[in-house]
Structures are given as C-alpha cells and as structure tokens.
Amino acid sequence: MKGNKITIRTVLNIYGIFTVLALILSIFTTPISINDNMQLFYDEDLMMEAKKIKEFLFFVFGSALVYFPLVHLNYKNMK
C-alpha cells in the first residue's frame, strides 16, 4: 500500500505541530502548581503579562515559520 507510507517529513511535521501547540498551551498551564499537600492550585502571580505573552507568541510563530520550511527543504534535498 503506497498511500500509507509514513515519511520522516510527516513525522517531523507532526512533531512540529505538537510542539507549537504545547508551547501555546504552556502559557495557560505555567501558573498551575502543586502545594505541600500535593494539591493543585492556580497561582495568578505566575501568569505572564500581556506584553510577555505577545512576545512569547511572536517567538513561537517565528520559530514555526523557520522550522516547517526547513523540514520541507531538508526532505526535498534528501530525494
């Protein structure tokens, strides 16, 4: 079955998508902590300011704009 072949490019693209999503999700999960009684709590003091979130998102999307074309170019050069 030729259509079910998984390539390195596919794996790297899936990895990239999950990484970008995990980094975006980390904005909201960073303030979640565990206290001495092993209970989860939300510490609003750890939440990033709007400016820092904006800078972080620029970094994440900028990295994605570099990562995915490099994966494409690398796979293209492997053929």
N, C-alpha and C. Protein backbone atom coordinates (compact mmCIF):
# COMPACT_ATOMS: atom_id res chain seq x y z
N MET A 1 0.84 -1.18 0.00
CA MET A 1 0.00 0.00 0.00
C MET A 1 0.88 1.24 0.00
N LYS A 2 0.94 1.88 -1.11
CA LYS A 2 1.82 3.02 -1.27
C LYS A 2 1.32 4.24 -0.51
N GLY A 3 0.02 4.43 -0.34
CA GLY A 3 -0.55 5.60 0.30
C GLY A 3 -0.35 5.66 1.81
N ASN A 4 -0.03 4.55 2.46
CA ASN A 4 0.10 4.51 3.91
C ASN A 4 1.54 4.63 4.39
N LYS A 5 2.43 5.02 3.51
CA LYS A 5 3.84 5.13 3.87
C LYS A 5 4.06 6.40 4.71
N ILE A 6 4.67 6.22 5.88
CA ILE A 6 4.98 7.36 6.75
C ILE A 6 6.42 7.76 6.50
N THR A 7 6.62 9.04 6.17
CA THR A 7 7.95 9.53 5.87
C THR A 7 8.51 10.31 7.06
N ILE A 8 9.80 10.55 7.00
CA ILE A 8 10.44 11.37 8.03
C ILE A 8 9.82 12.76 8.04
N ARG A 9 9.51 13.27 6.85
CA ARG A 9 8.89 14.59 6.74
C ARG A 9 7.56 14.64 7.49
N THR A 10 6.75 13.61 7.35
CA THR A 10 5.46 13.55 8.05
C THR A 10 5.67 13.53 9.56
N VAL A 11 6.60 12.73 10.02
CA VAL A 11 6.88 12.65 11.45
C VAL A 11 7.37 14.00 11.98
N LEU A 12 8.27 14.66 11.26
CA LEU A 12 8.78 15.95 11.70
C LEU A 12 7.69 17.02 11.68
N ASN A 13 6.79 16.97 10.70
CA ASN A 13 5.69 17.93 10.68
C ASN A 13 4.73 17.71 11.85
N ILE A 14 4.43 16.47 12.15
CA ILE A 14 3.57 16.17 13.30
C ILE A 14 4.23 16.60 14.59
N TYR A 15 5.52 16.33 14.71
CA TYR A 15 6.29 16.77 15.88
C TYR A 15 6.22 18.29 16.01
N GLY A 16 6.40 19.00 14.91
CA GLY A 16 6.36 20.46 14.92
C GLY A 16 5.00 21.00 15.34
N ILE A 17 3.94 20.39 14.84
CA ILE A 17 2.59 20.84 15.21
C ILE A 17 2.35 20.64 16.70
N PHE A 18 2.70 19.46 17.22
CA PHE A 18 2.50 19.20 18.65
C PHE A 18 3.37 20.13 19.51
N THR A 19 4.57 20.43 19.05
CA THR A 19 5.45 21.32 19.81
C THR A 19 4.88 22.74 19.87
N VAL A 20 4.41 23.24 18.74
CA VAL A 20 3.82 24.58 18.72
C VAL A 20 2.59 24.63 19.61
N LEU A 21 1.74 23.62 19.52
CA LEU A 21 0.53 23.59 20.37
C LEU A 21 0.89 23.49 21.85
N ALA A 22 1.91 22.70 22.17
CA ALA A 22 2.32 22.56 23.58
C ALA A 22 2.89 23.88 24.11
N LEU A 23 3.64 24.59 23.29
CA LEU A 23 4.19 25.88 23.72
C LEU A 23 3.07 26.90 23.95
N ILE A 24 2.08 26.91 23.07
CA ILE A 24 0.95 27.83 23.26
C ILE A 24 0.18 27.44 24.52
N LEU A 25 -0.03 26.16 24.73
CA LEU A 25 -0.74 25.70 25.93
C LEU A 25 0.02 26.01 27.20
N SER A 26 1.34 26.07 27.12
CA SER A 26 2.15 26.34 28.31
C SER A 26 1.90 27.73 28.89
N ILE A 27 1.39 28.65 28.09
CA ILE A 27 1.05 29.97 28.59
C ILE A 27 0.02 29.85 29.71
N PHE A 28 -0.92 28.94 29.53
CA PHE A 28 -2.02 28.81 30.49
C PHE A 28 -1.75 27.79 31.58
N THR A 29 -0.80 26.89 31.37
CA THR A 29 -0.54 25.85 32.37
C THR A 29 0.60 26.18 33.32
N THR A 30 1.40 27.19 33.00
CA THR A 30 2.51 27.55 33.88
C THR A 30 2.05 27.95 35.28
N PRO A 31 0.96 28.71 35.43
CA PRO A 31 0.54 29.11 36.79
C PRO A 31 -0.03 27.97 37.63
N ILE A 32 -0.19 26.79 37.08
CA ILE A 32 -0.72 25.66 37.84
C ILE A 32 0.43 25.02 38.61
N SER A 33 0.29 24.95 39.91
CA SER A 33 1.35 24.42 40.77
C SER A 33 0.79 23.38 41.73
N ILE A 34 1.69 22.74 42.48
CA ILE A 34 1.31 21.77 43.49
C ILE A 34 1.83 22.27 44.83
N ASN A 35 0.97 22.26 45.84
CA ASN A 35 1.41 22.72 47.17
C ASN A 35 1.99 21.57 47.97
N ASP A 36 2.33 21.83 49.24
CA ASP A 36 2.95 20.80 50.09
C ASP A 36 2.05 19.60 50.33
N ASN A 37 0.74 19.79 50.22
CA ASN A 37 -0.22 18.69 50.43
C ASN A 37 -0.55 17.96 49.14
N MET A 38 0.26 18.21 48.10
CA MET A 38 0.08 17.58 46.78
C MET A 38 -1.28 17.92 46.16
N GLN A 39 -1.72 19.15 46.37
CA GLN A 39 -2.96 19.62 45.77
C GLN A 39 -2.63 20.66 44.70
N LEU A 40 -3.35 20.57 43.59
CA LEU A 40 -3.16 21.54 42.52
C LEU A 40 -3.80 22.86 42.89
N PHE A 41 -3.12 23.94 42.56
CA PHE A 41 -3.73 25.26 42.73
C PHE A 41 -3.22 26.18 41.63
N TYR A 42 -3.98 27.23 41.39
CA TYR A 42 -3.67 28.18 40.33
C TYR A 42 -3.10 29.44 40.97
N ASP A 43 -1.84 29.75 40.66
CA ASP A 43 -1.16 30.91 41.22
C ASP A 43 -1.13 32.02 40.18
N GLU A 44 -2.00 33.01 40.33
CA GLU A 44 -2.12 34.08 39.34
C GLU A 44 -0.87 34.95 39.28
N ASP A 45 -0.03 34.92 40.32
CA ASP A 45 1.20 35.70 40.30
C ASP A 45 2.19 35.18 39.25
N LEU A 46 2.05 33.92 38.86
CA LEU A 46 2.95 33.33 37.87
C LEU A 46 2.50 33.57 36.43
N MET A 47 1.28 34.10 36.26
CA MET A 47 0.76 34.35 34.92
C MET A 47 1.55 35.46 34.25
N MET A 48 1.89 35.25 32.98
CA MET A 48 2.65 36.25 32.23
C MET A 48 1.78 37.46 31.93
N GLU A 49 2.44 38.61 31.83
CA GLU A 49 1.74 39.82 31.44
C GLU A 49 1.40 39.74 29.95
N ALA A 50 0.47 40.57 29.52
CA ALA A 50 0.03 40.55 28.13
C ALA A 50 1.19 40.81 27.17
N LYS A 51 2.09 41.72 27.53
CA LYS A 51 3.24 42.03 26.68
C LYS A 51 4.15 40.81 26.54
N LYS A 52 4.38 40.10 27.64
CA LYS A 52 5.23 38.91 27.61
C LYS A 52 4.58 37.80 26.80
N ILE A 53 3.26 37.66 26.92
CA ILE A 53 2.55 36.65 26.13
C ILE A 53 2.69 36.96 24.65
N LYS A 54 2.54 38.23 24.30
CA LYS A 54 2.67 38.64 22.90
C LYS A 54 4.07 38.33 22.37
N GLU A 55 5.10 38.64 23.17
CA GLU A 55 6.47 38.35 22.76
C GLU A 55 6.70 36.84 22.62
N PHE A 56 6.15 36.07 23.54
CA PHE A 56 6.30 34.62 23.50
C PHE A 56 5.62 34.05 22.25
N LEU A 57 4.42 34.56 21.93
CA LEU A 57 3.72 34.08 20.74
C LEU A 57 4.48 34.46 19.46
N PHE A 58 5.08 35.65 19.43
CA PHE A 58 5.92 36.01 18.28
C PHE A 58 7.08 35.02 18.14
N PHE A 59 7.69 34.65 19.26
CA PHE A 59 8.78 33.68 19.23
C PHE A 59 8.29 32.32 18.72
N VAL A 60 7.16 31.85 19.24
CA VAL A 60 6.64 30.53 18.84
C VAL A 60 6.31 30.51 17.35
N PHE A 61 5.57 31.51 16.89
CA PHE A 61 5.17 31.52 15.48
C PHE A 61 6.36 31.82 14.57
N GLY A 62 7.30 32.63 15.03
CA GLY A 62 8.51 32.87 14.26
C GLY A 62 9.34 31.60 14.12
N SER A 63 9.43 30.85 15.20
CA SER A 63 10.14 29.58 15.16
C SER A 63 9.46 28.60 14.21
N ALA A 64 8.13 28.59 14.23
CA ALA A 64 7.38 27.70 13.34
C ALA A 64 7.60 28.10 11.88
N LEU A 65 7.69 29.42 11.63
CA LEU A 65 7.93 29.89 10.26
C LEU A 65 9.31 29.49 9.76
N VAL A 66 10.23 29.25 10.65
CA VAL A 66 11.56 28.78 10.26
C VAL A 66 11.58 27.25 10.20
N TYR A 67 10.98 26.59 11.18
CA TYR A 67 11.05 25.14 11.30
C TYR A 67 10.41 24.41 10.10
N PHE A 68 9.16 24.75 9.77
CA PHE A 68 8.46 23.99 8.75
C PHE A 68 9.08 24.14 7.35
N PRO A 69 9.51 25.32 6.93
CA PRO A 69 10.22 25.38 5.63
C PRO A 69 11.55 24.62 5.65
N LEU A 70 12.25 24.62 6.80
CA LEU A 70 13.50 23.86 6.87
C LEU A 70 13.24 22.36 6.74
N VAL A 71 12.17 21.88 7.34
CA VAL A 71 11.80 20.46 7.18
C VAL A 71 11.52 20.17 5.71
N HIS A 72 10.78 21.07 5.09
CA HIS A 72 10.46 20.89 3.66
C HIS A 72 11.74 20.87 2.81
N LEU A 73 12.64 21.83 3.05
CA LEU A 73 13.88 21.89 2.28
C LEU A 73 14.76 20.67 2.51
N ASN A 74 14.84 20.23 3.75
CA ASN A 74 15.65 19.05 4.08
C ASN A 74 15.09 17.82 3.37
N TYR A 75 13.79 17.63 3.40
CA TYR A 75 13.20 16.47 2.75
C TYR A 75 13.38 16.55 1.24
N LYS A 76 13.25 17.78 0.69
CA LYS A 76 13.42 17.97 -0.74
C LYS A 76 14.85 17.63 -1.18
N ASN A 77 15.83 17.98 -0.33
CA ASN A 77 17.23 17.69 -0.66
C ASN A 77 17.58 16.22 -0.47
N MET A 78 16.80 15.48 0.31
CA MET A 78 17.06 14.06 0.53
C MET A 78 16.68 13.22 -0.69
N LYS A 79 15.76 13.70 -1.51
CA LYS A 79 15.30 12.93 -2.66
C LYS A 79 16.31 12.90 -3.77
